[in-house]
Amino acid sequence: MVVGVAVLELHVPGSRSLKDKRRIVRSLSDRVHERLRMSVAETGFHDLHQRCEIGIAAVGADEAQLGRMFETVRSLAEGFPEAMVCRFDVQFLECES
């Protein structure tokens, strides 16, 4: 079993308020969760209008499977018109059974 964790940092240039930012973050988070069934949460920069950090986690059989899932997340984020990806870091933790 492998656990994968990613940190996605976004710049949201069109956001004029926290409400604008949260609408965009929620839309992207819901899309990732619905499509890939990964756990998604806003984890940082809660008080900034144009910057956000999203944490994403998943458990899978092997690193290759999770790697493909996280690449799909990256593609979704980069294709999102209202936000720009500033950082996308992925880490894997292998657990022995």
Protein backbone atom coordinates (compact mmCIF):
# COMPACT_ATOMS: atom_id res chain seq x y z
CA MET A 1 0.00 0.00 0.00
CA VAL A 2 1.20 3.49 -0.89
CA VAL A 3 -0.03 6.84 0.40
CA GLY A 4 0.39 9.85 -1.86
CA VAL A 5 0.18 13.46 -0.72
CA ALA A 6 0.36 16.53 -2.93
CA VAL A 7 0.52 20.24 -2.22
CA LEU A 8 -0.96 22.42 -4.93
CA GLU A 9 -0.33 26.16 -4.67
CA LEU A 10 -2.40 28.44 -6.87
CA HIS A 11 -2.45 32.10 -7.83
CA VAL A 12 -5.99 33.37 -8.47
CA PRO A 13 -5.45 36.73 -10.20
CA GLY A 14 -9.13 37.56 -10.78
CA SER A 15 -10.15 37.11 -7.15
CA ARG A 16 -11.28 40.32 -5.48
CA SER A 17 -12.39 38.78 -2.18
CA LEU A 18 -12.08 35.65 -0.06
CA LYS A 19 -15.53 34.66 -1.28
CA ASP A 20 -14.32 34.79 -4.93
CA LYS A 21 -11.26 32.74 -4.06
CA ARG A 22 -13.19 30.11 -2.13
CA ARG A 23 -15.67 29.70 -5.00
CA ILE A 24 -12.81 28.92 -7.37
CA VAL A 25 -11.02 26.66 -4.87
CA ARG A 26 -14.23 24.77 -4.13
CA SER A 27 -14.92 24.29 -7.84
CA LEU A 28 -11.48 22.81 -8.47
CA SER A 29 -11.57 20.72 -5.28
CA ASP A 30 -14.98 19.30 -6.13
CA ARG A 31 -13.84 18.44 -9.65
CA VAL A 32 -10.78 16.56 -8.35
CA HIS A 33 -12.81 14.73 -5.71
CA GLU A 34 -15.63 13.75 -8.08
CA ARG A 35 -13.35 12.57 -10.87
CA LEU A 36 -10.61 10.82 -8.86
CA ARG A 37 -12.12 10.22 -5.40
CA MET A 38 -9.13 11.82 -3.71
CA SER A 39 -9.28 13.72 -0.42
CA VAL A 40 -8.97 17.46 -1.01
CA ALA A 41 -8.78 20.38 1.43
CA GLU A 42 -7.70 24.01 1.43
CA THR A 43 -4.67 23.91 3.72
CA GLY A 44 -3.03 27.31 3.57
CA PHE A 45 -3.21 31.04 2.79
CA HIS A 46 -6.76 31.22 4.16
CA ASP A 47 -6.61 34.99 4.62
CA LEU A 48 -5.16 35.94 1.19
CA HIS A 49 -7.42 36.87 -1.74
CA GLN A 50 -5.28 35.69 -4.64
CA ARG A 51 -3.24 32.81 -3.27
CA CYS A 52 -4.26 29.39 -1.98
CA GLU A 53 -2.79 26.06 -1.00
CA ILE A 54 -4.68 22.82 -1.52
CA GLY A 55 -3.67 19.51 0.04
CA ILE A 56 -4.58 16.31 -1.82
CA ALA A 57 -4.22 12.75 -0.52
CA ALA A 58 -4.90 9.26 -1.83
CA VAL A 59 -4.13 5.63 -1.04
CA GLY A 60 -3.34 3.13 -3.76
CA ALA A 61 -1.80 -0.22 -4.56
CA ASP A 62 1.44 1.17 -5.98
CA GLU A 63 3.29 4.39 -6.71
CA ALA A 64 2.71 4.18 -10.47
CA GLN A 65 -1.07 4.15 -10.03
CA LEU A 66 -0.98 7.15 -7.69
CA GLY A 67 1.49 8.93 -9.95
CA ARG A 68 -1.00 8.75 -12.83
CA MET A 69 -3.76 10.07 -10.58
CA PHE A 70 -1.65 13.02 -9.45
CA GLU A 71 -0.70 13.81 -13.06
CA THR A 72 -4.43 13.99 -13.81
CA VAL A 73 -4.81 16.41 -10.89
CA ARG A 74 -1.99 18.54 -12.30
CA SER A 75 -3.65 18.57 -15.72
CA LEU A 76 -6.99 19.58 -14.21
CA ALA A 77 -5.36 22.41 -12.25
CA GLU A 78 -3.33 23.67 -15.20
CA GLY A 79 -6.44 23.62 -17.40
CA PHE A 80 -8.46 25.58 -14.87
CA PRO A 81 -8.93 29.03 -16.46
CA GLU A 82 -9.29 31.10 -13.27
CA ALA A 83 -6.11 29.95 -11.50
CA MET A 84 -2.42 29.50 -12.25
CA VAL A 85 -0.37 26.68 -10.74
CA CYS A 86 2.61 28.07 -8.80
CA ARG A 87 3.72 24.84 -7.16
CA PHE A 88 2.80 21.17 -7.32
CA ASP A 89 4.76 18.83 -5.05
CA VAL A 90 3.97 15.14 -4.63
CA GLN A 91 5.35 12.75 -2.00
CA PHE A 92 4.78 9.03 -1.56
CA LEU A 93 4.92 6.95 1.59
CA GLU A 94 5.13 3.19 1.20
CA CYS A 95 3.54 1.15 3.98
CA GLU A 96 4.32 -2.50 4.49
CA SER A 97 1.49 -4.80 5.39
